[in-house]
């Protein structure tokens, strides 16, 4: 899934409700987040692969359209508008490859103001639920001066989107 934004003020309340520990690391343009959600792997898979509903539940995505599905290959059009898009509406066409109940890989086919976008999700059963790891490499077409701000906004967004995703998975 792409990045999402929840207001910084909402973050402590969201963490208190879910008691979730989201680990986020960043190296250059690559960010990795991981968390263990107290749901079965099947539930995590259902939410992650409900691309339209889950995508549109993220605060930074204004629309998601499934263009096609052929077996485990899906093509999506997503439209983003968030603080990290600096007020612009950004459209992207994404190719998704599913490894049922284990992993999801995605890559940019074409997009506005995006040099490259790729990543993956891994789903691992644990004794207490499901461990999710999400890695995304995102390189925007931005002047160098704006890169540090973009990096900070997307890093904050990444953590917050994981909290939103956990809430969706834990919802009855």
C-alpha atoms as a PDB file:
ATOM      1  CA  UNK A   1       0.000   0.000   0.000  1.00  0.00           C
ATOM      2  CA  UNK A   2       1.114   3.586  -0.562  1.00  0.00           C
ATOM      3  CA  UNK A   3       1.840   6.031   2.180  1.00  0.00           C
ATOM      4  CA  UNK A   4      -0.873   7.667   4.252  1.00  0.00           C
ATOM      5  CA  UNK A   5      -1.179  10.624   6.603  1.00  0.00           C
ATOM      6  CA  UNK A   6      -2.942  10.810   9.967  1.00  0.00           C
ATOM      7  CA  UNK A   7      -2.497  14.036  11.877  1.00  0.00           C
ATOM      8  CA  UNK A   8       0.407  13.977  14.302  1.00  0.00           C
ATOM      9  CA  UNK A   9      -2.031  14.814  17.105  1.00  0.00           C
ATOM     10  CA  UNK A  10      -3.937  11.588  16.407  1.00  0.00           C
ATOM     11  CA  UNK A  11      -0.849   9.407  16.616  1.00  0.00           C
ATOM     12  CA  UNK A  12      -0.615   8.925  20.418  1.00  0.00           C
ATOM     13  CA  UNK A  13      -4.347   8.130  20.667  1.00  0.00           C
ATOM     14  CA  UNK A  14      -4.096   5.622  17.817  1.00  0.00           C
ATOM     15  CA  UNK A  15      -1.115   3.944  19.469  1.00  0.00           C
ATOM     16  CA  UNK A  16      -2.903   3.841  22.836  1.00  0.00           C
ATOM     17  CA  UNK A  17      -5.973   2.196  21.307  1.00  0.00           C
ATOM     18  CA  UNK A  18      -4.103  -0.499  19.408  1.00  0.00           C
ATOM     19  CA  UNK A  19      -1.121  -0.911  21.780  1.00  0.00           C
ATOM     20  CA  UNK A  20       0.809  -1.489  18.586  1.00  0.00           C
ATOM     21  CA  UNK A  21       4.558  -1.265  18.215  1.00  0.00           C
ATOM     22  CA  UNK A  22       5.386  -0.091  14.696  1.00  0.00           C
ATOM     23  CA  UNK A  23       9.079  -0.216  13.834  1.00  0.00           C
ATOM     24  CA  UNK A  24      10.139   2.098  10.992  1.00  0.00           C
ATOM     25  CA  UNK A  25      13.557   2.352   9.388  1.00  0.00           C
ATOM     26  CA  UNK A  26      14.769   4.500   6.528  1.00  0.00           C
ATOM     27  CA  UNK A  27      17.797   4.212   4.269  1.00  0.00           C
ATOM     28  CA  UNK A  28      17.878   6.790   1.506  1.00  0.00           C
ATOM     29  CA  UNK A  29      14.598   6.557  -0.415  1.00  0.00           C
ATOM     30  CA  UNK A  30      13.689   3.153   1.080  1.00  0.00           C
ATOM     31  CA  UNK A  31      11.499   2.843   4.136  1.00  0.00           C
ATOM     32  CA  UNK A  32      10.638  -0.373   5.977  1.00  0.00           C
ATOM     33  CA  UNK A  33       7.914  -0.722   8.584  1.00  0.00           C
ATOM     34  CA  UNK A  34       7.008  -3.787  10.583  1.00  0.00           C
ATOM     35  CA  UNK A  35       4.406  -4.648  13.174  1.00  0.00           C
ATOM     36  CA  UNK A  36       2.615  -7.640  14.640  1.00  0.00           C
ATOM     37  CA  UNK A  37      -1.154  -7.392  14.455  1.00  0.00           C
ATOM     38  CA  UNK A  38      -3.358  -9.582  16.696  1.00  0.00           C
ATOM     39  CA  UNK A  39      -5.304 -11.091  13.775  1.00  0.00           C
ATOM     40  CA  UNK A  40      -4.965 -14.330  11.809  1.00  0.00           C
ATOM     41  CA  UNK A  41      -2.913 -14.175   8.579  1.00  0.00           C
ATOM     42  CA  UNK A  42      -6.086 -14.746   6.531  1.00  0.00           C
ATOM     43  CA  UNK A  43      -7.618 -11.532   7.940  1.00  0.00           C
ATOM     44  CA  UNK A  44      -4.425  -9.560   7.217  1.00  0.00           C
ATOM     45  CA  UNK A  45      -4.421 -10.915   3.652  1.00  0.00           C
ATOM     46  CA  UNK A  46      -8.099 -10.023   3.117  1.00  0.00           C
ATOM     47  CA  UNK A  47      -7.534  -6.418   4.190  1.00  0.00           C
ATOM     48  CA  UNK A  48      -4.289  -5.974   2.255  1.00  0.00           C
ATOM     49  CA  UNK A  49      -5.777  -7.344  -0.967  1.00  0.00           C
ATOM     50  CA  UNK A  50      -9.019  -5.365  -0.750  1.00  0.00           C
ATOM     51  CA  UNK A  51      -7.127  -2.725  -2.708  1.00  0.00           C
ATOM     52  CA  UNK A  52      -9.995  -0.309  -3.339  1.00  0.00           C
ATOM     53  CA  UNK A  53     -11.582  -0.250   0.138  1.00  0.00           C
ATOM     54  CA  UNK A  54      -8.299  -0.373   2.053  1.00  0.00           C
ATOM     55  CA  UNK A  55      -6.616   2.166  -0.214  1.00  0.00           C
ATOM     56  CA  UNK A  56      -9.497   4.604   0.035  1.00  0.00           C
ATOM     57  CA  UNK A  57      -9.487   4.225   3.841  1.00  0.00           C
ATOM     58  CA  UNK A  58      -5.995   5.720   3.881  1.00  0.00           C
ATOM     59  CA  UNK A  59      -6.135   9.477   4.456  1.00  0.00           C
ATOM     60  CA  UNK A  60      -3.753  10.369   1.633  1.00  0.00           C
ATOM     61  CA  UNK A  61      -5.488   8.395  -1.121  1.00  0.00           C
ATOM     62  CA  UNK A  62      -8.464  10.075  -2.730  1.00  0.00           C
ATOM     63  CA  UNK A  63      -9.318   7.206  -5.065  1.00  0.00           C
ATOM     64  CA  UNK A  64      -8.322   3.699  -6.113  1.00  0.00           C
ATOM     65  CA  UNK A  65      -9.499   1.953  -9.247  1.00  0.00           C
ATOM     66  CA  UNK A  66      -8.788  -1.668 -10.072  1.00  0.00           C
ATOM     67  CA  UNK A  67      -7.939  -1.584 -13.765  1.00  0.00           C
ATOM     68  CA  UNK A  68      -7.486  -5.327 -14.234  1.00  0.00           C
ATOM     69  CA  UNK A  69      -6.850  -8.667 -12.567  1.00  0.00           C
ATOM     70  CA  UNK A  70      -5.345 -11.716 -14.251  1.00  0.00           C
ATOM     71  CA  UNK A  71      -4.772 -14.442 -11.696  1.00  0.00           C
ATOM     72  CA  UNK A  72      -2.337 -13.085  -9.084  1.00  0.00           C
ATOM     73  CA  UNK A  73      -1.506  -9.968 -11.138  1.00  0.00           C
ATOM     74  CA  UNK A  74      -3.459  -6.791 -10.491  1.00  0.00           C
ATOM     75  CA  UNK A  75      -3.210  -3.356 -12.066  1.00  0.00           C
ATOM     76  CA  UNK A  76      -4.393  -0.348 -10.018  1.00  0.00           C
ATOM     77  CA  UNK A  77      -4.757   3.390 -10.563  1.00  0.00           C
ATOM     78  CA  UNK A  78      -4.304   5.387  -7.343  1.00  0.00           C
ATOM     79  CA  UNK A  79      -4.730   9.101  -6.789  1.00  0.00           C
ATOM     80  CA  UNK A  80      -2.908  10.710  -3.856  1.00  0.00           C
ATOM     81  CA  UNK A  81      -3.226  14.072  -2.178  1.00  0.00           C
ATOM     82  CA  UNK A  82      -1.393  14.606   1.094  1.00  0.00           C
ATOM     83  CA  UNK A  83       1.095  16.923   2.799  1.00  0.00           C
ATOM     84  CA  UNK A  84       3.943  15.050   1.092  1.00  0.00           C
ATOM     85  CA  UNK A  85       2.420  15.822  -2.335  1.00  0.00           C
ATOM     86  CA  UNK A  86       2.676  19.548  -1.499  1.00  0.00           C
ATOM     87  CA  UNK A  87      -0.953  20.202  -2.445  1.00  0.00           C
ATOM     88  CA  UNK A  88      -0.738  18.419  -5.798  1.00  0.00           C
ATOM     89  CA  UNK A  89      -2.990  15.566  -6.892  1.00  0.00           C
ATOM     90  CA  UNK A  90      -0.702  12.727  -7.977  1.00  0.00           C
ATOM     91  CA  UNK A  91      -1.878   9.806 -10.111  1.00  0.00           C
ATOM     92  CA  UNK A  92      -0.039   6.492 -10.436  1.00  0.00           C
ATOM     93  CA  UNK A  93      -0.630   3.177 -12.172  1.00  0.00           C
ATOM     94  CA  UNK A  94       0.732   0.299 -10.099  1.00  0.00           C
ATOM     95  CA  UNK A  95       1.369  -3.354 -11.038  1.00  0.00           C
ATOM     96  CA  UNK A  96       0.802  -5.760  -8.142  1.00  0.00           C
ATOM     97  CA  UNK A  97       1.892  -9.406  -7.946  1.00  0.00           C
ATOM     98  CA  UNK A  98       0.429 -11.543  -5.177  1.00  0.00           C
ATOM     99  CA  UNK A  99       1.960 -14.637  -3.612  1.00  0.00           C
ATOM    100  CA  UNK A 100      -1.227 -15.854  -1.880  1.00  0.00           C
ATOM    101  CA  UNK A 101      -1.302 -15.325   1.870  1.00  0.00           C
ATOM    102  CA  UNK A 102       2.466 -14.699   2.002  1.00  0.00           C
ATOM    103  CA  UNK A 103       3.599 -11.629   0.034  1.00  0.00           C
ATOM    104  CA  UNK A 104       2.593  -8.788  -2.248  1.00  0.00           C
ATOM    105  CA  UNK A 105       5.020  -7.017  -4.576  1.00  0.00           C
ATOM    106  CA  UNK A 106       4.261  -3.777  -6.389  1.00  0.00           C
ATOM    107  CA  UNK A 107       5.934  -1.427  -8.841  1.00  0.00           C
ATOM    108  CA  UNK A 108       5.125   1.758 -10.674  1.00  0.00           C
ATOM    109  CA  UNK A 109       4.082   1.466 -14.308  1.00  0.00           C
ATOM    110  CA  UNK A 110       3.545   5.204 -14.761  1.00  0.00           C
ATOM    111  CA  UNK A 111       2.929   8.156 -12.503  1.00  0.00           C
ATOM    112  CA  UNK A 112       2.875  11.912 -12.124  1.00  0.00           C
ATOM    113  CA  UNK A 113       6.056  13.387 -10.626  1.00  0.00           C
ATOM    114  CA  UNK A 114       7.363   9.975  -9.493  1.00  0.00           C
ATOM    115  CA  UNK A 115      10.744   8.765 -10.741  1.00  0.00           C
ATOM    116  CA  UNK A 116      10.356   5.333  -9.177  1.00  0.00           C
ATOM    117  CA  UNK A 117       8.101   3.452  -6.798  1.00  0.00           C
ATOM    118  CA  UNK A 118       8.378  -0.193  -5.786  1.00  0.00           C
ATOM    119  CA  UNK A 119       7.984  -2.325  -2.726  1.00  0.00           C
ATOM    120  CA  UNK A 120       6.511  -5.335  -1.029  1.00  0.00           C
ATOM    121  CA  UNK A 121       4.526  -6.704   1.868  1.00  0.00           C
ATOM    122  CA  UNK A 122       5.393  -9.914   3.700  1.00  0.00           C
ATOM    123  CA  UNK A 123       2.888 -11.726   5.904  1.00  0.00           C
ATOM    124  CA  UNK A 124       4.219 -14.125   8.551  1.00  0.00           C
ATOM    125  CA  UNK A 125       2.092 -16.028  11.095  1.00  0.00           C
ATOM    126  CA  UNK A 126       3.172 -15.651  14.744  1.00  0.00           C
ATOM    127  CA  UNK A 127       1.953 -17.024  18.071  1.00  0.00           C
ATOM    128  CA  UNK A 128       0.153 -13.739  18.759  1.00  0.00           C
ATOM    129  CA  UNK A 129      -1.200 -12.955  15.291  1.00  0.00           C
ATOM    130  CA  UNK A 130       0.459 -11.865  12.084  1.00  0.00           C
ATOM    131  CA  UNK A 131       3.754 -10.091  11.530  1.00  0.00           C
ATOM    132  CA  UNK A 132       3.612  -7.627   8.635  1.00  0.00           C
ATOM    133  CA  UNK A 133       6.608  -6.046   6.987  1.00  0.00           C
ATOM    134  CA  UNK A 134       6.174  -3.331   4.380  1.00  0.00           C
ATOM    135  CA  UNK A 135       9.076  -1.977   2.347  1.00  0.00           C
ATOM    136  CA  UNK A 136       8.698   0.852  -0.137  1.00  0.00           C
ATOM    137  CA  UNK A 137      11.199   2.710  -2.275  1.00  0.00           C
ATOM    138  CA  UNK A 138       9.811   6.025  -3.465  1.00  0.00           C
ATOM    139  CA  UNK A 139      11.774   8.563  -5.490  1.00  0.00           C
ATOM    140  CA  UNK A 140       9.808  11.707  -6.302  1.00  0.00           C
ATOM    141  CA  UNK A 141      10.609  14.178  -9.047  1.00  0.00           C
ATOM    142  CA  UNK A 142      11.446  17.047  -6.683  1.00  0.00           C
ATOM    143  CA  UNK A 143      14.179  19.660  -6.460  1.00  0.00           C
ATOM    144  CA  UNK A 144      16.951  18.677  -4.052  1.00  0.00           C
ATOM    145  CA  UNK A 145      15.956  21.459  -1.661  1.00  0.00           C
ATOM    146  CA  UNK A 146      12.562  19.813  -1.078  1.00  0.00           C
ATOM    147  CA  UNK A 147      13.864  16.249  -0.634  1.00  0.00           C
ATOM    148  CA  UNK A 148      14.507  16.453   3.154  1.00  0.00           C
ATOM    149  CA  UNK A 149      10.981  17.735   3.840  1.00  0.00           C
ATOM    150  CA  UNK A 150       9.492  15.086   1.545  1.00  0.00           C
ATOM    151  CA  UNK A 151      11.523  12.422   3.334  1.00  0.00           C
ATOM    152  CA  UNK A 152      10.310  13.534   6.778  1.00  0.00           C
ATOM    153  CA  UNK A 153       6.663  13.811   5.705  1.00  0.00           C
ATOM    154  CA  UNK A 154       6.645  10.365   4.103  1.00  0.00           C
ATOM    155  CA  UNK A 155       8.431   8.746   7.054  1.00  0.00           C
ATOM    156  CA  UNK A 156       5.824  10.119   9.460  1.00  0.00           C
ATOM    157  CA  UNK A 157       3.105   9.101   7.034  1.00  0.00           C
ATOM    158  CA  UNK A 158       4.475   5.581   6.742  1.00  0.00           C
ATOM    159  CA  UNK A 159       4.244   4.947  10.487  1.00  0.00           C
ATOM    160  CA  UNK A 160       0.779   6.458  10.658  1.00  0.00           C
ATOM    161  CA  UNK A 161      -0.528   4.462   7.697  1.00  0.00           C
ATOM    162  CA  UNK A 162       0.542   1.245   9.438  1.00  0.00           C
ATOM    163  CA  UNK A 163      -1.543   2.244  12.460  1.00  0.00           C
ATOM    164  CA  UNK A 164      -4.543   2.882  10.214  1.00  0.00           C
ATOM    165  CA  UNK A 165      -4.030  -0.486   8.522  1.00  0.00           C
ATOM    166  CA  UNK A 166      -3.888  -2.264  11.879  1.00  0.00           C
ATOM    167  CA  UNK A 167      -7.176  -0.641  12.888  1.00  0.00           C
ATOM    168  CA  UNK A 168      -8.788  -1.882   9.659  1.00  0.00           C
ATOM    169  CA  UNK A 169      -7.526  -5.410  10.293  1.00  0.00           C
ATOM    170  CA  UNK A 170      -8.741  -5.430  13.899  1.00  0.00           C
ATOM    171  CA  UNK A 171     -12.175  -4.123  12.978  1.00  0.00           C
ATOM    172  CA  UNK A 172     -14.817  -6.852  13.351  1.00  0.00           C
END
